């Protein structure tokens, strides 16, 4: 076979989420239910905190803008 000289592999857009879910399943699969609940709660709390912080900063930036609601650049 002819070789093109590239070592690149084409991947679909679902490869990375699949690998992340497979790794999480392998890492947390043997944990008891209460431990899974704690991990899920911590991850959920982090997601809510990040969203709230982003929204608060966005509102603060937009609030300094013009009166028609558009941000000043």
PDB file of N, CA and C in Angstrom:
ATOM      1  N   UNK A   1       0.829  -1.192   0.000  1.00  0.00           N
ATOM      2  CA  UNK A   1       0.000   0.000   0.000  1.00  0.00           C
ATOM      3  C   UNK A   1       0.872   1.254   0.000  1.00  0.00           C
ATOM      4  N   UNK A   2       0.390   2.242  -0.676  1.00  0.00           N
ATOM      5  CA  UNK A   2       1.077   3.524  -0.658  1.00  0.00           C
ATOM      6  C   UNK A   2       0.787   4.234   0.655  1.00  0.00           C
ATOM      7  N   UNK A   3       1.802   4.842   1.185  1.00  0.00           N
ATOM      8  CA  UNK A   3       1.621   5.635   2.391  1.00  0.00           C
ATOM      9  C   UNK A   3       1.719   7.101   2.025  1.00  0.00           C
ATOM     10  N   UNK A   4       0.834   7.876   2.589  1.00  0.00           N
ATOM     11  CA  UNK A   4       0.808   9.302   2.279  1.00  0.00           C
ATOM     12  C   UNK A   4       1.789  10.101   3.122  1.00  0.00           C
ATOM     13  N   UNK A   5       2.317   9.497   4.163  1.00  0.00           N
ATOM     14  CA  UNK A   5       3.260  10.201   5.008  1.00  0.00           C
ATOM     15  C   UNK A   5       2.623  10.979   6.136  1.00  0.00           C
ATOM     16  N   UNK A   6       1.316  10.904   6.265  1.00  0.00           N
ATOM     17  CA  UNK A   6       0.648  11.608   7.363  1.00  0.00           C
ATOM     18  C   UNK A   6       0.198  10.596   8.400  1.00  0.00           C
ATOM     19  N   UNK A   7       0.238  11.010   9.622  1.00  0.00           N
ATOM     20  CA  UNK A   7      -0.204  10.166  10.732  1.00  0.00           C
ATOM     21  C   UNK A   7      -1.496  10.687  11.325  1.00  0.00           C
ATOM     22  N   UNK A   8      -2.283  11.377  10.550  1.00  0.00           N
ATOM     23  CA  UNK A   8      -3.520  11.952  11.055  1.00  0.00           C
ATOM     24  C   UNK A   8      -4.653  10.941  10.930  1.00  0.00           C
ATOM     25  N   UNK A   9      -5.534  10.992  11.918  1.00  0.00           N
ATOM     26  CA  UNK A   9      -6.718  10.144  11.918  1.00  0.00           C
ATOM     27  C   UNK A   9      -7.933  11.063  11.890  1.00  0.00           C
ATOM     28  N   UNK A  10      -8.814  10.832  10.956  1.00  0.00           N
ATOM     29  CA  UNK A  10     -10.030  11.618  10.903  1.00  0.00           C
ATOM     30  C   UNK A  10     -11.009  11.083  11.937  1.00  0.00           C
ATOM     31  N   UNK A  11     -11.604  11.984  12.690  1.00  0.00           N
ATOM     32  CA  UNK A  11     -12.512  11.583  13.750  1.00  0.00           C
ATOM     33  C   UNK A  11     -13.855  12.279  13.562  1.00  0.00           C
ATOM     34  N   UNK A  12     -14.885  11.613  14.024  1.00  0.00           N
ATOM     35  CA  UNK A  12     -16.200  12.235  13.952  1.00  0.00           C
ATOM     36  C   UNK A  12     -16.380  13.173  15.143  1.00  0.00           C
ATOM     37  N   UNK A  13     -17.438  13.973  15.098  1.00  0.00           N
ATOM     38  CA  UNK A  13     -17.679  14.921  16.190  1.00  0.00           C
ATOM     39  C   UNK A  13     -18.118  14.231  17.465  1.00  0.00           C
ATOM     40  N   UNK A  14     -18.459  12.945  17.402  1.00  0.00           N
ATOM     41  CA  UNK A  14     -18.928  12.219  18.582  1.00  0.00           C
ATOM     42  C   UNK A  14     -17.818  11.420  19.262  1.00  0.00           C
ATOM     43  N   UNK A  15     -16.615  11.424  18.735  1.00  0.00           N
ATOM     44  CA  UNK A  15     -15.545  10.631  19.331  1.00  0.00           C
ATOM     45  C   UNK A  15     -15.138  11.136  20.710  1.00  0.00           C
ATOM     46  N   UNK A  16     -14.968  12.429  20.871  1.00  0.00           N
ATOM     47  CA  UNK A  16     -14.525  12.957  22.165  1.00  0.00           C
ATOM     48  C   UNK A  16     -15.581  12.768  23.248  1.00  0.00           C
ATOM     49  N   UNK A  17     -16.866  13.098  23.010  1.00  0.00           N
ATOM     50  CA  UNK A  17     -17.858  12.811  24.059  1.00  0.00           C
ATOM     51  C   UNK A  17     -17.936  11.312  24.393  1.00  0.00           C
ATOM     52  N   UNK A  18     -17.795  10.458  23.394  1.00  0.00           N
ATOM     53  CA  UNK A  18     -17.823   9.018  23.647  1.00  0.00           C
ATOM     54  C   UNK A  18     -16.667   8.600  24.542  1.00  0.00           C
ATOM     55  N   UNK A  19     -15.479   9.125  24.277  1.00  0.00           N
ATOM     56  CA  UNK A  19     -14.310   8.783  25.091  1.00  0.00           C
ATOM     57  C   UNK A  19     -14.471   9.315  26.512  1.00  0.00           C
ATOM     58  N   UNK A  20     -15.000  10.529  26.651  1.00  0.00           N
ATOM     59  CA  UNK A  20     -15.192  11.102  27.988  1.00  0.00           C
ATOM     60  C   UNK A  20     -16.196  10.275  28.791  1.00  0.00           C
ATOM     61  N   UNK A  21     -17.307   9.900  28.156  1.00  0.00           N
ATOM     62  CA  UNK A  21     -18.299   9.078  28.858  1.00  0.00           C
ATOM     63  C   UNK A  21     -17.762   7.694  29.184  1.00  0.00           C
ATOM     64  N   UNK A  22     -16.999   7.107  28.280  1.00  0.00           N
ATOM     65  CA  UNK A  22     -16.415   5.794  28.548  1.00  0.00           C
ATOM     66  C   UNK A  22     -15.407   5.863  29.696  1.00  0.00           C
ATOM     67  N   UNK A  23     -14.606   6.926  29.741  1.00  0.00           N
ATOM     68  CA  UNK A  23     -13.641   7.084  30.828  1.00  0.00           C
ATOM     69  C   UNK A  23     -14.350   7.310  32.161  1.00  0.00           C
ATOM     70  N   UNK A  24     -15.421   8.108  32.154  1.00  0.00           N
ATOM     71  CA  UNK A  24     -16.178   8.343  33.389  1.00  0.00           C
ATOM     72  C   UNK A  24     -16.838   7.053  33.858  1.00  0.00           C
ATOM     73  N   UNK A  25     -17.343   6.283  32.922  1.00  0.00           N
ATOM     74  CA  UNK A  25     -17.971   5.009  33.276  1.00  0.00           C
ATOM     75  C   UNK A  25     -16.956   4.047  33.886  1.00  0.00           C
ATOM     76  N   UNK A  26     -15.746   4.027  33.326  1.00  0.00           N
ATOM     77  CA  UNK A  26     -14.695   3.164  33.859  1.00  0.00           C
ATOM     78  C   UNK A  26     -14.220   3.650  35.226  1.00  0.00           C
ATOM     79  N   UNK A  27     -14.141   4.976  35.392  1.00  0.00           N
ATOM     80  CA  UNK A  27     -13.633   5.530  36.647  1.00  0.00           C
ATOM     81  C   UNK A  27     -14.636   5.412  37.782  1.00  0.00           C
ATOM     82  N   UNK A  28     -15.923   5.607  37.477  1.00  0.00           N
ATOM     83  CA  UNK A  28     -16.933   5.654  38.528  1.00  0.00           C
ATOM     84  C   UNK A  28     -17.866   4.450  38.533  1.00  0.00           C
ATOM     85  N   UNK A  29     -17.647   3.492  37.659  1.00  0.00           N
ATOM     86  CA  UNK A  29     -18.554   2.359  37.527  1.00  0.00           C
ATOM     87  C   UNK A  29     -18.638   1.477  38.767  1.00  0.00           C
ATOM     88  N   UNK A  30     -17.536   1.334  39.492  1.00  0.00           N
ATOM     89  CA  UNK A  30     -17.516   0.444  40.649  1.00  0.00           C
ATOM     90  C   UNK A  30     -17.814   1.156  41.965  1.00  0.00           C
ATOM     91  N   UNK A  31     -18.052   2.455  41.917  1.00  0.00           N
ATOM     92  CA  UNK A  31     -18.327   3.194  43.147  1.00  0.00           C
ATOM     93  C   UNK A  31     -19.736   2.905  43.637  1.00  0.00           C
ATOM     94  N   UNK A  32     -19.939   2.967  44.951  1.00  0.00           N
ATOM     95  CA  UNK A  32     -21.304   2.823  45.473  1.00  0.00           C
ATOM     96  C   UNK A  32     -22.163   4.023  45.069  1.00  0.00           C
ATOM     97  N   UNK A  33     -23.454   3.851  45.177  1.00  0.00           N
ATOM     98  CA  UNK A  33     -24.396   4.879  44.731  1.00  0.00           C
ATOM     99  C   UNK A  33     -24.192   6.200  45.452  1.00  0.00           C
ATOM    100  N   UNK A  34     -23.916   6.172  46.754  1.00  0.00           N
ATOM    101  CA  UNK A  34     -23.750   7.408  47.499  1.00  0.00           C
ATOM    102  C   UNK A  34     -22.519   8.180  47.015  1.00  0.00           C
ATOM    103  N   UNK A  35     -21.466   7.485  46.626  1.00  0.00           N
ATOM    104  CA  UNK A  35     -20.266   8.162  46.129  1.00  0.00           C
ATOM    105  C   UNK A  35     -20.530   8.779  44.750  1.00  0.00           C
ATOM    106  N   UNK A  36     -21.277   8.057  43.915  1.00  0.00           N
ATOM    107  CA  UNK A  36     -21.650   8.605  42.603  1.00  0.00           C
ATOM    108  C   UNK A  36     -22.499   9.859  42.775  1.00  0.00           C
ATOM    109  N   UNK A  37     -23.402   9.844  43.763  1.00  0.00           N
ATOM    110  CA  UNK A  37     -24.263  10.999  44.015  1.00  0.00           C
ATOM    111  C   UNK A  37     -23.439  12.205  44.465  1.00  0.00           C
ATOM    112  N   UNK A  38     -22.433  11.974  45.292  1.00  0.00           N
ATOM    113  CA  UNK A  38     -21.584  13.075  45.749  1.00  0.00           C
ATOM    114  C   UNK A  38     -20.808  13.667  44.579  1.00  0.00           C
ATOM    115  N   UNK A  39     -20.226  12.811  43.744  1.00  0.00           N
ATOM    116  CA  UNK A  39     -19.463  13.296  42.587  1.00  0.00           C
ATOM    117  C   UNK A  39     -20.375  14.069  41.641  1.00  0.00           C
ATOM    118  N   UNK A  40     -21.548  13.522  41.365  1.00  0.00           N
ATOM    119  CA  UNK A  40     -22.497  14.203  40.486  1.00  0.00           C
ATOM    120  C   UNK A  40     -22.952  15.534  41.089  1.00  0.00           C
ATOM    121  N   UNK A  41     -23.160  15.568  42.386  1.00  0.00           N
ATOM    122  CA  UNK A  41     -23.544  16.810  43.054  1.00  0.00           C
ATOM    123  C   UNK A  41     -22.454  17.869  42.976  1.00  0.00           C
ATOM    124  N   UNK A  42     -21.202  17.456  43.135  1.00  0.00           N
ATOM    125  CA  UNK A  42     -20.095  18.410  43.028  1.00  0.00           C
ATOM    126  C   UNK A  42     -19.973  18.961  41.609  1.00  0.00           C
ATOM    127  N   UNK A  43     -20.100  18.090  40.628  1.00  0.00           N
ATOM    128  CA  UNK A  43     -20.016  18.532  39.232  1.00  0.00           C
ATOM    129  C   UNK A  43     -21.196  19.449  38.898  1.00  0.00           C
ATOM    130  N   UNK A  44     -22.382  19.097  39.362  1.00  0.00           N
ATOM    131  CA  UNK A  44     -23.554  19.940  39.133  1.00  0.00           C
ATOM    132  C   UNK A  44     -23.428  21.294  39.803  1.00  0.00           C
ATOM    133  N   UNK A  45     -22.904  21.304  41.028  1.00  0.00           N
ATOM    134  CA  UNK A  45     -22.706  22.574  41.735  1.00  0.00           C
ATOM    135  C   UNK A  45     -21.711  23.459  40.994  1.00  0.00           C
ATOM    136  N   UNK A  46     -20.661  22.858  40.471  1.00  0.00           N
ATOM    137  CA  UNK A  46     -19.680  23.613  39.707  1.00  0.00           C
ATOM    138  C   UNK A  46     -20.312  24.199  38.443  1.00  0.00           C
ATOM    139  N   UNK A  47     -21.155  23.429  37.778  1.00  0.00           N
ATOM    140  CA  UNK A  47     -21.819  23.917  36.565  1.00  0.00           C
ATOM    141  C   UNK A  47     -22.752  25.080  36.889  1.00  0.00           C
ATOM    142  N   UNK A  48     -23.523  24.966  37.961  1.00  0.00           N
ATOM    143  CA  UNK A  48     -24.441  26.048  38.350  1.00  0.00           C
ATOM    144  C   UNK A  48     -23.652  27.292  38.749  1.00  0.00           C
ATOM    145  N   UNK A  49     -22.574  27.124  39.501  1.00  0.00           N
ATOM    146  CA  UNK A  49     -21.746  28.247  39.922  1.00  0.00           C
ATOM    147  C   UNK A  49     -21.152  28.960  38.709  1.00  0.00           C
ATOM    148  N   UNK A  50     -20.647  28.184  37.750  1.00  0.00           N
ATOM    149  CA  UNK A  50     -20.055  28.768  36.547  1.00  0.00           C
ATOM    150  C   UNK A  50     -21.101  29.536  35.741  1.00  0.00           C
ATOM    151  N   UNK A  51     -22.286  28.961  35.577  1.00  0.00           N
ATOM    152  CA  UNK A  51     -23.349  29.628  34.827  1.00  0.00           C
ATOM    153  C   UNK A  51     -23.791  30.909  35.535  1.00  0.00           C
ATOM    154  N   UNK A  52     -23.934  30.866  36.852  1.00  0.00           N
ATOM    155  CA  UNK A  52     -24.359  32.051  37.604  1.00  0.00           C
ATOM    156  C   UNK A  52     -23.310  33.151  37.522  1.00  0.00           C
ATOM    157  N   UNK A  53     -22.042  32.793  37.615  1.00  0.00           N
ATOM    158  CA  UNK A  53     -20.970  33.782  37.522  1.00  0.00           C
ATOM    159  C   UNK A  53     -20.939  34.407  36.132  1.00  0.00           C
ATOM    160  N   UNK A  54     -21.081  33.570  35.108  1.00  0.00           N
ATOM    161  CA  UNK A  54     -21.083  34.077  33.734  1.00  0.00           C
ATOM    162  C   UNK A  54     -22.255  35.035  33.518  1.00  0.00           C
ATOM    163  N   UNK A  55     -23.434  34.652  34.008  1.00  0.00           N
ATOM    164  CA  UNK A  55     -24.618  35.482  33.830  1.00  0.00           C
ATOM    165  C   UNK A  55     -24.492  36.800  34.586  1.00  0.00           C
ATOM    166  N   UNK A  56     -23.962  36.740  35.797  1.00  0.00           N
ATOM    167  CA  UNK A  56     -23.772  37.964  36.588  1.00  0.00           C
ATOM    168  C   UNK A  56     -22.808  38.918  35.883  1.00  0.00           C
ATOM    169  N   UNK A  57     -21.698  38.399  35.365  1.00  0.00           N
ATOM    170  CA  UNK A  57     -20.734  39.246  34.656  1.00  0.00           C
ATOM    171  C   UNK A  57     -21.334  39.795  33.374  1.00  0.00           C
ATOM    172  N   UNK A  58     -22.106  38.991  32.685  1.00  0.00           N
ATOM    173  CA  UNK A  58     -22.734  39.441  31.437  1.00  0.00           C
ATOM    174  C   UNK A  58     -23.719  40.566  31.720  1.00  0.00           C
ATOM    175  N   UNK A  59     -24.512  40.401  32.762  1.00  0.00           N
ATOM    176  CA  UNK A  59     -25.465  41.460  33.115  1.00  0.00           C
ATOM    177  C   UNK A  59     -24.751  42.737  33.543  1.00  0.00           C
ATOM    178  N   UNK A  60     -23.650  42.588  34.240  1.00  0.00           N
ATOM    179  CA  UNK A  60     -22.881  43.757  34.672  1.00  0.00           C
ATOM    180  C   UNK A  60     -22.312  44.502  33.469  1.00  0.00           C
ATOM    181  N   UNK A  61     -21.772  43.758  32.490  1.00  0.00           N
ATOM    182  CA  UNK A  61     -21.213  44.389  31.293  1.00  0.00           C
ATOM    183  C   UNK A  61     -22.301  45.060  30.458  1.00  0.00           C
ATOM    184  N   UNK A  62     -23.440  44.396  30.301  1.00  0.00           N
ATOM    185  CA  UNK A  62     -24.529  44.967  29.507  1.00  0.00           C
ATOM    186  C   UNK A  62     -25.142  46.156  30.229  1.00  0.00           C
ATOM    187  N   UNK A  63     -25.191  46.105  31.540  1.00  0.00           N
ATOM    188  CA  UNK A  63     -25.763  47.198  32.323  1.00  0.00           C
ATOM    189  C   UNK A  63     -25.009  48.503  32.171  1.00  0.00           C
ATOM    190  N   UNK A  64     -23.719  48.451  31.880  1.00  0.00           N
ATOM    191  CA  UNK A  64     -22.926  49.660  31.686  1.00  0.00           C
ATOM    192  C   UNK A  64     -23.120  50.245  30.300  1.00  0.00           C
ATOM    193  N   UNK A  65     -23.794  49.520  29.430  1.00  0.00           N
ATOM    194  CA  UNK A  65     -23.936  49.922  28.033  1.00  0.00           C
ATOM    195  C   UNK A  65     -24.940  51.035  27.839  1.00  0.00           C
ATOM    196  N   UNK A  66     -25.421  51.122  26.628  1.00  0.00           N
ATOM    197  CA  UNK A  66     -26.369  52.169  26.277  1.00  0.00           C
ATOM    198  C   UNK A  66     -27.758  51.838  26.814  1.00  0.00           C
ATOM    199  N   UNK A  67     -28.668  52.748  26.643  1.00  0.00           N
ATOM    200  CA  UNK A  67     -30.007  52.580  27.190  1.00  0.00           C
ATOM    201  C   UNK A  67     -30.874  51.620  26.400  1.00  0.00           C
ATOM    202  N   UNK A  68     -30.480  51.274  25.165  1.00  0.00           N
ATOM    203  CA  UNK A  68     -31.290  50.356  24.379  1.00  0.00           C
ATOM    204  C   UNK A  68     -30.922  48.883  24.603  1.00  0.00           C
ATOM    205  N   UNK A  69     -30.025  48.617  25.553  1.00  0.00           N
ATOM    206  CA  UNK A  69     -29.714  47.236  25.930  1.00  0.00           C
ATOM    207  C   UNK A  69     -28.536  46.628  25.201  1.00  0.00           C
ATOM    208  N   UNK A  70     -27.957  47.363  24.268  1.00  0.00           N
ATOM    209  CA  UNK A  70     -26.795  46.824  23.563  1.00  0.00           C
ATOM    210  C   UNK A  70     -25.536  47.163  24.333  1.00  0.00           C
ATOM    211  N   UNK A  71     -24.558  46.268  24.273  1.00  0.00           N
ATOM    212  CA  UNK A  71     -23.313  46.493  24.976  1.00  0.00           C
ATOM    213  C   UNK A  71     -22.471  47.527  24.239  1.00  0.00           C
ATOM    214  N   UNK A  72     -21.736  48.306  25.009  1.00  0.00           N
ATOM    215  CA  UNK A  72     -20.825  49.288  24.439  1.00  0.00           C
ATOM    216  C   UNK A  72     -19.492  48.606  24.206  1.00  0.00           C
ATOM    217  N   UNK A  73     -18.926  48.815  23.020  1.00  0.00           N
ATOM    218  CA  UNK A  73     -17.634  48.167  22.716  1.00  0.00           C
ATOM    219  C   UNK A  73     -16.545  49.181  22.634  1.00  0.00           C
TER     220      UNK A  73
END
